Amino acid sequence: MENFPVINLENINDEERKAILKQIEDACQNWGYFELMNHGIPHELLDRVERLTKEHYRKCMEKRFNEAVASKGLEGVQAELKDMDWESTFFLRHLPTSNISEIPDLTQEYRDAMKEFAEKLEKLAEELLDLLCENLGLEKGYLKKAFYGSRGPNFGTKVANYPACPKPELVKGLRAHTDAGGIILLLQDDKVSGLQLLKDGQWVDVPPMRHSIVVNLGDQLEVITNGKYKSVEHRVNARSDGTRMSVASFYNPGSDALIYPAPPLLEREAKETDMIYPKFVFEDYMKLYATLKFQPKEPRFQAIKGVYSV
């Protein structure tokens, strides 16, 4: 945990820029994950989102989750459950159009906070994509443009709570997977841990830190960088000692965006790293991902290649 990359963005626009860019490059190449401090999102807003998310879970979601557990007879489970996740979730869509006003049971205060939070996260995601462009030697705006499609990016939030679990050794909070999309920004519980990533064959904890934003890279950035950056397998362990909150926002390509390795990267790389990833429409990849999420990503890349070679 002590080696997990924690990056302070406070001085990104002054003399520390070069050093911070190097930290981001190292994290993207070797971890696929990093944690941001001083990212520009007000602490008061983060605290408000956390408070309202936890309140909403207690008032509206907890009873439903417990009823679902009871109806499936899961309290007395004795064998490992490999086809379910111990989580309570709902989804918000921000772009290309918002559905926040349509989600039932949200207070107006919560809707307003999530709308404000999404606007800040969208800006941060686009700033991070430009920092990645700078590190990759791509023109500013290249990644945003690659994600754009005809209607702009898909941007949404998965709000999850991982309730205390009586048999955490028999079920995962969320099974191991890589994320299908672009760049993911996570506000996670700063008291109850559980998120882990796979590094060099070992599961490593992503440390809970107050007011941080955890960033990870999805499959689409692996494709666009032709494997220079990799999406990383991660999971959430169920815990017996409390409910863990997770607010994960996904800045993804538009549905009709055409995804392929950036030509400038191919031109600069040696011959043995010629295009090893397919070209595809993001929506087609997502259809495959829906059925193969909890399986290794390499067969997904092969399968999408097959779709386009017919």
C-alpha atoms as a PDB file:
ATOM      1  CA  MET A   1       0.000   0.000   0.000  1.00  0.00           C
ATOM      2  CA  GLU A   2       2.829   2.424   0.759  1.00  0.00           C
ATOM      3  CA  ASN A   3       3.943   2.313  -2.901  1.00  0.00           C
ATOM      4  CA  PHE A   4       0.461   3.012  -4.280  1.00  0.00           C
ATOM      5  CA  PRO A   5       0.736   6.216  -6.397  1.00  0.00           C
ATOM      6  CA  VAL A   6      -0.741   9.244  -4.623  1.00  0.00           C
ATOM      7  CA  ILE A   7      -0.374  12.385  -6.751  1.00  0.00           C
ATOM      8  CA  ASN A   8      -0.787  15.939  -5.527  1.00  0.00           C
ATOM      9  CA  LEU A   9      -2.103  18.133  -8.361  1.00  0.00           C
ATOM     10  CA  GLU A  10      -1.822  21.404  -6.446  1.00  0.00           C
ATOM     11  CA  ASN A  11       1.162  22.753  -8.423  1.00  0.00           C
ATOM     12  CA  ILE A  12       0.393  21.196 -11.816  1.00  0.00           C
ATOM     13  CA  ASN A  13       0.497  24.624 -13.485  1.00  0.00           C
ATOM     14  CA  ASP A  14       3.835  25.828 -12.128  1.00  0.00           C
ATOM     15  CA  GLU A  15       7.418  24.611 -11.686  1.00  0.00           C
ATOM     16  CA  GLU A  16       6.340  21.165 -10.428  1.00  0.00           C
ATOM     17  CA  ARG A  17       4.452  20.313 -13.629  1.00  0.00           C
ATOM     18  CA  LYS A  18       7.233  18.172 -15.106  1.00  0.00           C
ATOM     19  CA  ALA A  19       7.612  16.103 -11.916  1.00  0.00           C
ATOM     20  CA  ILE A  20       3.831  15.633 -11.564  1.00  0.00           C
ATOM     21  CA  LEU A  21       3.520  14.573 -15.221  1.00  0.00           C
ATOM     22  CA  LYS A  22       6.267  12.010 -14.596  1.00  0.00           C
ATOM     23  CA  GLN A  23       4.330  10.636 -11.587  1.00  0.00           C
ATOM     24  CA  ILE A  24       1.192  10.341 -13.721  1.00  0.00           C
ATOM     25  CA  GLU A  25       3.127   8.611 -16.514  1.00  0.00           C
ATOM     26  CA  ASP A  26       4.624   6.107 -14.082  1.00  0.00           C
ATOM     27  CA  ALA A  27       1.194   5.409 -12.554  1.00  0.00           C
ATOM     28  CA  CYS A  28      -0.425   4.924 -15.989  1.00  0.00           C
ATOM     29  CA  GLN A  29       2.324   2.607 -17.221  1.00  0.00           C
ATOM     30  CA  ASN A  30       2.879   0.543 -14.078  1.00  0.00           C
ATOM     31  CA  TRP A  31      -0.357   0.662 -12.084  1.00  0.00           C
ATOM     32  CA  GLY A  32      -3.338   1.713 -14.225  1.00  0.00           C
ATOM     33  CA  TYR A  33      -4.516   3.407 -11.027  1.00  0.00           C
ATOM     34  CA  PHE A  34      -3.604   6.475  -8.979  1.00  0.00           C
ATOM     35  CA  GLU A  35      -5.066   8.614  -6.231  1.00  0.00           C
ATOM     36  CA  LEU A  36      -5.369  12.400  -6.614  1.00  0.00           C
ATOM     37  CA  MET A  37      -5.113  15.011  -3.880  1.00  0.00           C
ATOM     38  CA  ASN A  38      -5.739  18.745  -4.402  1.00  0.00           C
ATOM     39  CA  HIS A  39      -7.666  17.961  -7.586  1.00  0.00           C
ATOM     40  CA  GLY A  40      -9.723  21.172  -7.530  1.00  0.00           C
ATOM     41  CA  ILE A  41     -13.055  19.705  -6.345  1.00  0.00           C
ATOM     42  CA  PRO A  42     -14.077  21.490  -3.107  1.00  0.00           C
ATOM     43  CA  HIS A  43     -13.884  19.358   0.035  1.00  0.00           C
ATOM     44  CA  GLU A  44     -17.262  20.710   1.111  1.00  0.00           C
ATOM     45  CA  LEU A  45     -18.855  19.248  -2.029  1.00  0.00           C
ATOM     46  CA  LEU A  46     -17.161  15.864  -1.490  1.00  0.00           C
ATOM     47  CA  ASP A  47     -18.414  15.813   2.115  1.00  0.00           C
ATOM     48  CA  ARG A  48     -21.938  16.721   0.975  1.00  0.00           C
ATOM     49  CA  VAL A  49     -22.003  13.969  -1.683  1.00  0.00           C
ATOM     50  CA  GLU A  50     -20.756  11.429   0.873  1.00  0.00           C
ATOM     51  CA  ARG A  51     -23.295  12.473   3.521  1.00  0.00           C
ATOM     52  CA  LEU A  52     -26.243  12.462   1.095  1.00  0.00           C
ATOM     53  CA  THR A  53     -25.204   9.146  -0.498  1.00  0.00           C
ATOM     54  CA  LYS A  54     -25.015   7.445   2.896  1.00  0.00           C
ATOM     55  CA  GLU A  55     -28.325   9.003   3.987  1.00  0.00           C
ATOM     56  CA  HIS A  56     -30.005   7.858   0.778  1.00  0.00           C
ATOM     57  CA  TYR A  57     -28.729   4.309   1.265  1.00  0.00           C
ATOM     58  CA  ARG A  58     -30.019   4.137   4.851  1.00  0.00           C
ATOM     59  CA  LYS A  59     -33.425   5.624   3.979  1.00  0.00           C
ATOM     60  CA  CYS A  60     -34.140   4.067   0.579  1.00  0.00           C
ATOM     61  CA  MET A  61     -31.769   1.222  -0.306  1.00  0.00           C
ATOM     62  CA  GLU A  62     -30.814  -0.680   2.847  1.00  0.00           C
ATOM     63  CA  LYS A  63     -34.239  -2.226   3.485  1.00  0.00           C
ATOM     64  CA  ARG A  64     -34.510  -3.326  -0.163  1.00  0.00           C
ATOM     65  CA  PHE A  65     -31.058  -4.892  -0.048  1.00  0.00           C
ATOM     66  CA  ASN A  66     -31.842  -6.807   3.155  1.00  0.00           C
ATOM     67  CA  GLU A  67     -35.158  -7.996   1.705  1.00  0.00           C
ATOM     68  CA  ALA A  68     -33.376  -9.214  -1.456  1.00  0.00           C
ATOM     69  CA  VAL A  69     -30.798 -11.070   0.662  1.00  0.00           C
ATOM     70  CA  ALA A  70     -33.608 -12.686   2.702  1.00  0.00           C
ATOM     71  CA  SER A  71     -35.664 -13.609  -0.380  1.00  0.00           C
ATOM     72  CA  LYS A  72     -32.659 -15.415  -1.894  1.00  0.00           C
ATOM     73  CA  GLY A  73     -31.865 -17.137   1.400  1.00  0.00           C
ATOM     74  CA  LEU A  74     -28.333 -15.728   1.406  1.00  0.00           C
ATOM     75  CA  GLU A  75     -27.927 -15.154   5.172  1.00  0.00           C
ATOM     76  CA  GLY A  76     -27.246 -18.822   5.790  1.00  0.00           C
ATOM     77  CA  VAL A  77     -25.071 -19.436   2.736  1.00  0.00           C
ATOM     78  CA  GLN A  78     -22.336 -22.028   3.275  1.00  0.00           C
ATOM     79  CA  ALA A  79     -20.715 -22.310  -0.163  1.00  0.00           C
ATOM     80  CA  GLU A  80     -18.871 -19.685  -2.208  1.00  0.00           C
ATOM     81  CA  LEU A  81     -21.138 -17.528  -4.411  1.00  0.00           C
ATOM     82  CA  LYS A  82     -19.342 -16.966  -7.717  1.00  0.00           C
ATOM     83  CA  ASP A  83     -22.131 -15.401  -9.789  1.00  0.00           C
ATOM     84  CA  MET A  84     -23.273 -12.457  -7.689  1.00  0.00           C
ATOM     85  CA  ASP A  85     -21.950  -9.294  -6.036  1.00  0.00           C
ATOM     86  CA  TRP A  86     -22.703  -8.111  -2.485  1.00  0.00           C
ATOM     87  CA  GLU A  87     -23.621  -4.564  -3.501  1.00  0.00           C
ATOM     88  CA  SER A  88     -26.548  -2.146  -3.625  1.00  0.00           C
ATOM     89  CA  THR A  89     -26.403   0.209  -6.627  1.00  0.00           C
ATOM     90  CA  PHE A  90     -28.117   2.744  -8.817  1.00  0.00           C
ATOM     91  CA  PHE A  91     -26.916   4.600 -11.909  1.00  0.00           C
ATOM     92  CA  LEU A  92     -27.016   8.245 -12.961  1.00  0.00           C
ATOM     93  CA  ARG A  93     -26.454   9.406 -16.539  1.00  0.00           C
ATOM     94  CA  HIS A  94     -24.993  12.893 -17.102  1.00  0.00           C
ATOM     95  CA  LEU A  95     -24.008  12.966 -20.795  1.00  0.00           C
ATOM     96  CA  PRO A  96     -25.101  13.124 -23.526  1.00  0.00           C
ATOM     97  CA  THR A  97     -28.353  13.800 -21.599  1.00  0.00           C
ATOM     98  CA  SER A  98     -29.003  13.693 -17.863  1.00  0.00           C
ATOM     99  CA  ASN A  99     -31.515  11.386 -16.181  1.00  0.00           C
ATOM    100  CA  ILE A 100     -30.988  12.719 -12.633  1.00  0.00           C
ATOM    101  CA  SER A 101     -34.484  14.227 -12.509  1.00  0.00           C
ATOM    102  CA  GLU A 102     -36.007  10.833 -13.409  1.00  0.00           C
ATOM    103  CA  ILE A 103     -34.389   8.717 -10.657  1.00  0.00           C
ATOM    104  CA  PRO A 104     -36.969   8.002  -7.944  1.00  0.00           C
ATOM    105  CA  ASP A 105     -36.431   8.587  -4.199  1.00  0.00           C
ATOM    106  CA  LEU A 106     -33.671  11.201  -4.529  1.00  0.00           C
ATOM    107  CA  THR A 107     -34.127  14.384  -2.514  1.00  0.00           C
ATOM    108  CA  GLN A 108     -33.735  17.673  -4.374  1.00  0.00           C
ATOM    109  CA  GLU A 109     -30.641  18.392  -2.281  1.00  0.00           C
ATOM    110  CA  TYR A 110     -29.091  15.099  -3.417  1.00  0.00           C
ATOM    111  CA  ARG A 111     -29.984  15.713  -7.092  1.00  0.00           C
ATOM    112  CA  ASP A 112     -28.418  19.187  -6.939  1.00  0.00           C
ATOM    113  CA  ALA A 113     -25.264  17.887  -5.240  1.00  0.00           C
ATOM    114  CA  MET A 114     -24.785  15.069  -7.788  1.00  0.00           C
ATOM    115  CA  LYS A 115     -25.344  17.480 -10.690  1.00  0.00           C
ATOM    116  CA  GLU A 116     -22.719  19.866  -9.300  1.00  0.00           C
ATOM    117  CA  PHE A 117     -20.336  16.967  -8.584  1.00  0.00           C
ATOM    118  CA  ALA A 118     -20.755  15.589 -12.120  1.00  0.00           C
ATOM    119  CA  GLU A 119     -19.899  18.992 -13.644  1.00  0.00           C
ATOM    120  CA  LYS A 120     -16.672  19.160 -11.593  1.00  0.00           C
ATOM    121  CA  LEU A 121     -15.764  15.557 -12.450  1.00  0.00           C
ATOM    122  CA  GLU A 122     -16.367  16.081 -16.161  1.00  0.00           C
ATOM    123  CA  LYS A 123     -13.937  19.017 -16.094  1.00  0.00           C
ATOM    124  CA  LEU A 124     -11.371  17.008 -14.102  1.00  0.00           C
ATOM    125  CA  ALA A 125     -11.676  14.002 -16.459  1.00  0.00           C
ATOM    126  CA  GLU A 126     -11.000  16.220 -19.480  1.00  0.00           C
ATOM    127  CA  GLU A 127      -8.047  17.890 -17.743  1.00  0.00           C
ATOM    128  CA  LEU A 128      -6.597  14.458 -16.946  1.00  0.00           C
ATOM    129  CA  LEU A 129      -7.071  13.284 -20.541  1.00  0.00           C
ATOM    130  CA  ASP A 130      -5.064  16.308 -21.691  1.00  0.00           C
ATOM    131  CA  LEU A 131      -2.294  15.513 -19.188  1.00  0.00           C
ATOM    132  CA  LEU A 132      -2.230  11.977 -20.644  1.00  0.00           C
ATOM    133  CA  CYS A 133      -2.009  13.499 -24.142  1.00  0.00           C
ATOM    134  CA  GLU A 134       0.964  15.570 -23.013  1.00  0.00           C
ATOM    135  CA  ASN A 135       2.724  12.492 -21.645  1.00  0.00           C
ATOM    136  CA  LEU A 136       1.938  10.474 -24.770  1.00  0.00           C
ATOM    137  CA  GLY A 137       3.120  13.195 -27.163  1.00  0.00           C
ATOM    138  CA  LEU A 138      -0.383  13.547 -28.635  1.00  0.00           C
ATOM    139  CA  GLU A 139      -1.841  16.949 -29.484  1.00  0.00           C
ATOM    140  CA  LYS A 140      -3.919  18.564 -26.749  1.00  0.00           C
ATOM    141  CA  GLY A 141      -7.538  17.438 -27.019  1.00  0.00           C
ATOM    142  CA  TYR A 142      -6.726  14.236 -28.962  1.00  0.00           C
ATOM    143  CA  LEU A 143      -8.293  11.861 -26.403  1.00  0.00           C
ATOM    144  CA  LYS A 144     -11.381  14.007 -25.865  1.00  0.00           C
ATOM    145  CA  LYS A 145     -11.857  14.103 -29.633  1.00  0.00           C
ATOM    146  CA  ALA A 146     -11.302  10.325 -29.906  1.00  0.00           C
ATOM    147  CA  PHE A 147     -14.087   9.818 -27.341  1.00  0.00           C
ATOM    148  CA  TYR A 148     -16.454  12.332 -28.914  1.00  0.00           C
ATOM    149  CA  GLY A 149     -18.416  10.432 -31.565  1.00  0.00           C
ATOM    150  CA  SER A 150     -21.334  12.403 -33.025  1.00  0.00           C
ATOM    151  CA  ARG A 151     -22.990  13.429 -29.722  1.00  0.00           C
ATOM    152  CA  GLY A 152     -20.104  13.758 -27.301  1.00  0.00           C
ATOM    153  CA  PRO A 153     -18.924  11.349 -24.599  1.00  0.00           C
ATOM    154  CA  ASN A 154     -21.009   9.049 -22.436  1.00  0.00           C
ATOM    155  CA  PHE A 155     -20.600  10.108 -18.830  1.00  0.00           C
ATOM    156  CA  GLY A 156     -22.381   8.495 -15.902  1.00  0.00           C
ATOM    157  CA  THR A 157     -22.060   7.548 -12.246  1.00  0.00           C
ATOM    158  CA  LYS A 158     -22.526   4.225 -10.487  1.00  0.00           C
ATOM    159  CA  VAL A 159     -23.501   4.890  -6.873  1.00  0.00           C
ATOM    160  CA  ALA A 160     -22.777   1.769  -4.829  1.00  0.00           C
ATOM    161  CA  ASN A 161     -22.884   0.695  -1.221  1.00  0.00           C
ATOM    162  CA  TYR A 162     -21.260  -2.532  -0.099  1.00  0.00           C
ATOM    163  CA  PRO A 163     -23.147  -3.546   3.056  1.00  0.00           C
ATOM    164  CA  ALA A 164     -21.552  -5.418   5.925  1.00  0.00           C
ATOM    165  CA  CYS A 165     -21.522  -9.098   4.963  1.00  0.00           C
ATOM    166  CA  PRO A 166     -21.897 -11.977   7.440  1.00  0.00           C
ATOM    167  CA  LYS A 167     -19.746 -14.316   5.278  1.00  0.00           C
ATOM    168  CA  PRO A 168     -17.221 -12.105   3.443  1.00  0.00           C
ATOM    169  CA  GLU A 169     -15.053 -15.121   2.623  1.00  0.00           C
ATOM    170  CA  LEU A 170     -17.866 -16.598   0.494  1.00  0.00           C
ATOM    171  CA  VAL A 171     -18.855 -13.644  -1.700  1.00  0.00           C
ATOM    172  CA  LYS A 172     -17.195 -10.641  -3.351  1.00  0.00           C
ATOM    173  CA  GLY A 173     -18.562  -7.131  -2.988  1.00  0.00           C
ATOM    174  CA  LEU A 174     -17.762  -6.881  -6.708  1.00  0.00           C
ATOM    175  CA  ARG A 175     -16.079  -9.626  -8.712  1.00  0.00           C
ATOM    176  CA  ALA A 176     -12.743  -9.007 -10.448  1.00  0.00           C
ATOM    177  CA  HIS A 177     -12.947  -7.171 -13.788  1.00  0.00           C
ATOM    178  CA  THR A 178     -11.409  -4.396 -15.864  1.00  0.00           C
ATOM    179  CA  ASP A 179     -13.514  -1.349 -16.748  1.00  0.00           C
ATOM    180  CA  ALA A 180     -14.709  -1.230 -20.343  1.00  0.00           C
ATOM    181  CA  GLY A 181     -14.675   2.521 -20.831  1.00  0.00           C
ATOM    182  CA  GLY A 182     -12.291   5.456 -20.802  1.00  0.00           C
ATOM    183  CA  ILE A 183     -11.220   7.115 -17.559  1.00  0.00           C
ATOM    184  CA  ILE A 184     -12.906   6.429 -14.224  1.00  0.00           C
ATOM    185  CA  LEU A 185     -13.003   8.823 -11.251  1.00  0.00           C
ATOM    186  CA  LEU A 186     -13.959   7.394  -7.864  1.00  0.00           C
ATOM    187  CA  LEU A 187     -14.978   9.001  -4.596  1.00  0.00           C
ATOM    188  CA  GLN A 188     -14.639   6.120  -2.140  1.00  0.00           C
ATOM    189  CA  ASP A 189     -15.351   5.639   1.530  1.00  0.00           C
ATOM    190  CA  ASP A 190     -12.480   7.002   3.600  1.00  0.00           C
ATOM    191  CA  LYS A 191     -13.134   4.665   6.555  1.00  0.00           C
ATOM    192  CA  VAL A 192     -14.182   1.259   5.168  1.00  0.00           C
ATOM    193  CA  SER A 193     -11.708  -0.211   2.662  1.00  0.00           C
ATOM    194  CA  GLY A 194     -12.224  -3.091   0.249  1.00  0.00           C
ATOM    195  CA  LEU A 195     -11.114  -1.979  -3.226  1.00  0.00           C
ATOM    196  CA  GLN A 196      -8.108  -3.928  -4.547  1.00  0.00           C
ATOM    197  CA  LEU A 197      -6.206  -3.998  -7.828  1.00  0.00           C
ATOM    198  CA  LEU A 198      -4.121  -6.801  -9.309  1.00  0.00           C
ATOM    199  CA  LYS A 199      -0.445  -5.867  -9.664  1.00  0.00           C
ATOM    200  CA  ASP A 200       2.288  -8.358 -10.582  1.00  0.00           C
ATOM    201  CA  GLY A 201       0.013 -11.243  -9.600  1.00  0.00           C
ATOM    202  CA  GLN A 202      -0.770  -9.801  -6.141  1.00  0.00           C
ATOM    203  CA  TRP A 203      -3.945  -8.102  -4.900  1.00  0.00           C
ATOM    204  CA  VAL A 204      -3.048  -4.639  -3.584  1.00  0.00           C
ATOM    205  CA  ASP A 205      -5.326  -2.418  -1.466  1.00  0.00           C
ATOM    206  CA  VAL A 206      -6.325   0.973  -2.862  1.00  0.00           C
ATOM    207  CA  PRO A 207      -5.949   3.032   0.329  1.00  0.00           C
ATOM    208  CA  PRO A 208      -8.980   4.986   1.570  1.00  0.00           C
ATOM    209  CA  MET A 209      -7.938   8.655   1.853  1.00  0.00           C
ATOM    210  CA  ARG A 210     -10.200  11.519   2.839  1.00  0.00           C
ATOM    211  CA  HIS A 211     -11.050  13.957   0.007  1.00  0.00           C
ATOM    212  CA  SER A 212      -9.095  12.028  -2.623  1.00  0.00           C
ATOM    213  CA  ILE A 213     -10.300  11.035  -6.081  1.00  0.00           C
ATOM    214  CA  VAL A 214      -9.115   7.602  -7.245  1.00  0.00           C
ATOM    215  CA  VAL A 215      -8.472   7.392 -10.998  1.00  0.00           C
ATOM    216  CA  ASN A 216      -8.228   4.271 -13.117  1.00  0.00           C
ATOM    217  CA  LEU A 217      -7.900   3.598 -16.831  1.00  0.00           C
ATOM    218  CA  GLY A 218     -10.413   1.589 -18.849  1.00  0.00           C
ATOM    219  CA  ASP A 219     -10.036  -0.744 -21.823  1.00  0.00           C
ATOM    220  CA  GLN A 220     -10.517   2.083 -24.367  1.00  0.00           C
ATOM    221  CA  LEU A 221      -7.394   3.908 -23.214  1.00  0.00           C
ATOM    222  CA  GLU A 222      -5.451   0.668 -23.505  1.00  0.00           C
ATOM    223  CA  VAL A 223      -6.588   0.397 -27.131  1.00  0.00           C
ATOM    224  CA  ILE A 224      -5.948   4.052 -28.035  1.00  0.00           C
ATOM    225  CA  THR A 225      -2.444   3.945 -26.492  1.00  0.00           C
ATOM    226  CA  ASN A 226      -1.806   0.600 -28.254  1.00  0.00           C
ATOM    227  CA  GLY A 227      -1.051  -1.037 -24.909  1.00  0.00           C
ATOM    228  CA  LYS A 228       1.354   1.611 -23.579  1.00  0.00           C
ATOM    229  CA  TYR A 229      -1.191   2.146 -20.779  1.00  0.00           C
ATOM    230  CA  LYS A 230      -3.210  -0.828 -19.536  1.00  0.00           C
ATOM    231  CA  SER A 231      -6.588  -1.251 -17.885  1.00  0.00           C
ATOM    232  CA  VAL A 232      -6.130  -3.164 -14.629  1.00  0.00           C
ATOM    233  CA  GLU A 233      -8.184  -5.902 -13.024  1.00  0.00           C
ATOM    234  CA  HIS A 234      -9.770  -4.831  -9.742  1.00  0.00           C
ATOM    235  CA  ARG A 235     -12.338  -6.091  -7.257  1.00  0.00           C
ATOM    236  CA  VAL A 236     -14.160  -5.122  -4.064  1.00  0.00           C
ATOM    237  CA  ASN A 237     -13.882  -7.474  -1.109  1.00  0.00           C
ATOM    238  CA  ALA A 238     -16.979  -7.862   1.033  1.00  0.00           C
ATOM    239  CA  ARG A 239     -16.419  -6.743   4.626  1.00  0.00           C
ATOM    240  CA  SER A 240     -18.022  -7.710   7.908  1.00  0.00           C
ATOM    241  CA  ASP A 241     -17.104  -4.447   9.664  1.00  0.00           C
ATOM    242  CA  GLY A 242     -19.281  -1.803   7.988  1.00  0.00           C
ATOM    243  CA  THR A 243     -20.889  -0.508   4.805  1.00  0.00           C
ATOM    244  CA  ARG A 244     -18.488   0.894   2.187  1.00  0.00           C
ATOM    245  CA  MET A 245     -19.613   3.759  -0.062  1.00  0.00           C
ATOM    246  CA  SER A 246     -18.409   4.061  -3.660  1.00  0.00           C
ATOM    247  CA  VAL A 247     -19.339   6.809  -6.153  1.00  0.00           C
ATOM    248  CA  ALA A 248     -17.643   5.869  -9.436  1.00  0.00           C
ATOM    249  CA  SER A 249     -18.005   8.139 -12.486  1.00  0.00           C
ATOM    250  CA  PHE A 250     -17.195   6.825 -15.949  1.00  0.00           C
ATOM    251  CA  TYR A 251     -16.062   9.222 -18.698  1.00  0.00           C
ATOM    252  CA  ASN A 252     -16.493   6.971 -21.734  1.00  0.00           C
ATOM    253  CA  PRO A 253     -16.495   7.325 -25.512  1.00  0.00           C
ATOM    254  CA  GLY A 254     -19.746   8.204 -27.245  1.00  0.00           C
ATOM    255  CA  SER A 255     -21.723   5.184 -28.425  1.00  0.00           C
ATOM    256  CA  ASP A 256     -20.779   5.688 -32.081  1.00  0.00           C
ATOM    257  CA  ALA A 257     -17.146   6.740 -31.452  1.00  0.00           C
ATOM    258  CA  LEU A 258     -14.663   4.770 -33.566  1.00  0.00           C
ATOM    259  CA  ILE A 259     -11.887   3.509 -31.283  1.00  0.00           C
ATOM    260  CA  TYR A 260      -8.422   2.520 -32.568  1.00  0.00           C
ATOM    261  CA  PRO A 261      -4.743   2.979 -31.658  1.00  0.00           C
ATOM    262  CA  ALA A 262      -3.578   6.587 -32.106  1.00  0.00           C
ATOM    263  CA  PRO A 263      -1.618   6.738 -35.407  1.00  0.00           C
ATOM    264  CA  PRO A 264       1.101   9.049 -33.982  1.00  0.00           C
ATOM    265  CA  LEU A 265       1.924   6.385 -31.374  1.00  0.00           C
ATOM    266  CA  LEU A 266       2.172   3.683 -34.041  1.00  0.00           C
ATOM    267  CA  GLU A 267       4.422   5.849 -36.200  1.00  0.00           C
ATOM    268  CA  ARG A 268       6.856   6.384 -33.335  1.00  0.00           C
ATOM    269  CA  GLU A 269       6.942   2.813 -32.014  1.00  0.00           C
ATOM    270  CA  ALA A 270       9.287   0.080 -33.203  1.00  0.00           C
ATOM    271  CA  LYS A 271       7.973  -2.394 -35.748  1.00  0.00           C
ATOM    272  CA  GLU A 272       7.267  -5.158 -33.216  1.00  0.00           C
ATOM    273  CA  THR A 273       4.596  -3.002 -31.566  1.00  0.00           C
ATOM    274  CA  ASP A 274       2.582  -2.375 -34.720  1.00  0.00           C
ATOM    275  CA  MET A 275      -1.157  -2.131 -34.190  1.00  0.00           C
ATOM    276  CA  ILE A 276      -2.004  -5.000 -31.851  1.00  0.00           C
ATOM    277  CA  TYR A 277      -5.500  -3.783 -31.002  1.00  0.00           C
ATOM    278  CA  PRO A 278      -8.567  -3.780 -33.239  1.00  0.00           C
ATOM    279  CA  LYS A 279     -10.557  -0.843 -34.604  1.00  0.00           C
ATOM    280  CA  PHE A 280     -14.214  -0.873 -33.488  1.00  0.00           C
ATOM    281  CA  VAL A 281     -17.279   1.190 -32.586  1.00  0.00           C
ATOM    282  CA  PHE A 282     -17.533   1.660 -28.814  1.00  0.00           C
ATOM    283  CA  GLU A 283     -21.168   0.501 -28.629  1.00  0.00           C
ATOM    284  CA  ASP A 284     -20.226  -2.832 -30.234  1.00  0.00           C
ATOM    285  CA  TYR A 285     -17.525  -3.348 -27.605  1.00  0.00           C
ATOM    286  CA  MET A 286     -20.024  -2.611 -24.838  1.00  0.00           C
ATOM    287  CA  LYS A 287     -22.419  -5.262 -26.161  1.00  0.00           C
ATOM    288  CA  LEU A 288     -19.618  -7.830 -25.872  1.00  0.00           C
ATOM    289  CA  TYR A 289     -18.579  -6.523 -22.453  1.00  0.00           C
ATOM    290  CA  ALA A 290     -22.111  -6.960 -21.110  1.00  0.00           C
ATOM    291  CA  THR A 291     -21.725 -10.740 -21.369  1.00  0.00           C
ATOM    292  CA  LEU A 292     -17.960 -11.019 -20.731  1.00  0.00           C
ATOM    293  CA  LYS A 293     -17.368  -8.415 -17.965  1.00  0.00           C
ATOM    294  CA  PHE A 294     -16.021 -10.864 -15.384  1.00  0.00           C
ATOM    295  CA  GLN A 295     -13.734 -12.667 -17.831  1.00  0.00           C
ATOM    296  CA  PRO A 296     -10.223 -11.645 -18.965  1.00  0.00           C
ATOM    297  CA  LYS A 297     -10.140  -8.667 -21.356  1.00  0.00           C
ATOM    298  CA  GLU A 298      -7.875 -10.277 -23.990  1.00  0.00           C
ATOM    299  CA  PRO A 299     -10.637 -12.568 -25.361  1.00  0.00           C
ATOM    300  CA  ARG A 300     -12.874  -9.477 -25.611  1.00  0.00           C
ATOM    301  CA  PHE A 301     -10.311  -7.765 -27.827  1.00  0.00           C
ATOM    302  CA  GLN A 302     -10.040 -10.949 -29.916  1.00  0.00           C
ATOM    303  CA  ALA A 303     -13.832 -11.277 -30.154  1.00  0.00           C
ATOM    304  CA  ILE A 304     -14.299  -7.673 -31.308  1.00  0.00           C
ATOM    305  CA  LYS A 305     -11.550  -8.263 -33.882  1.00  0.00           C
ATOM    306  CA  GLY A 306     -13.575 -11.225 -35.122  1.00  0.00           C
ATOM    307  CA  VAL A 307     -16.742  -9.117 -35.430  1.00  0.00           C
ATOM    308  CA  TYR A 308     -14.946  -6.616 -37.668  1.00  0.00           C
ATOM    309  CA  SER A 309     -13.041  -9.134 -39.791  1.00  0.00           C
ATOM    310  CA  VAL A 310     -16.191 -10.848 -41.084  1.00  0.00           C
END
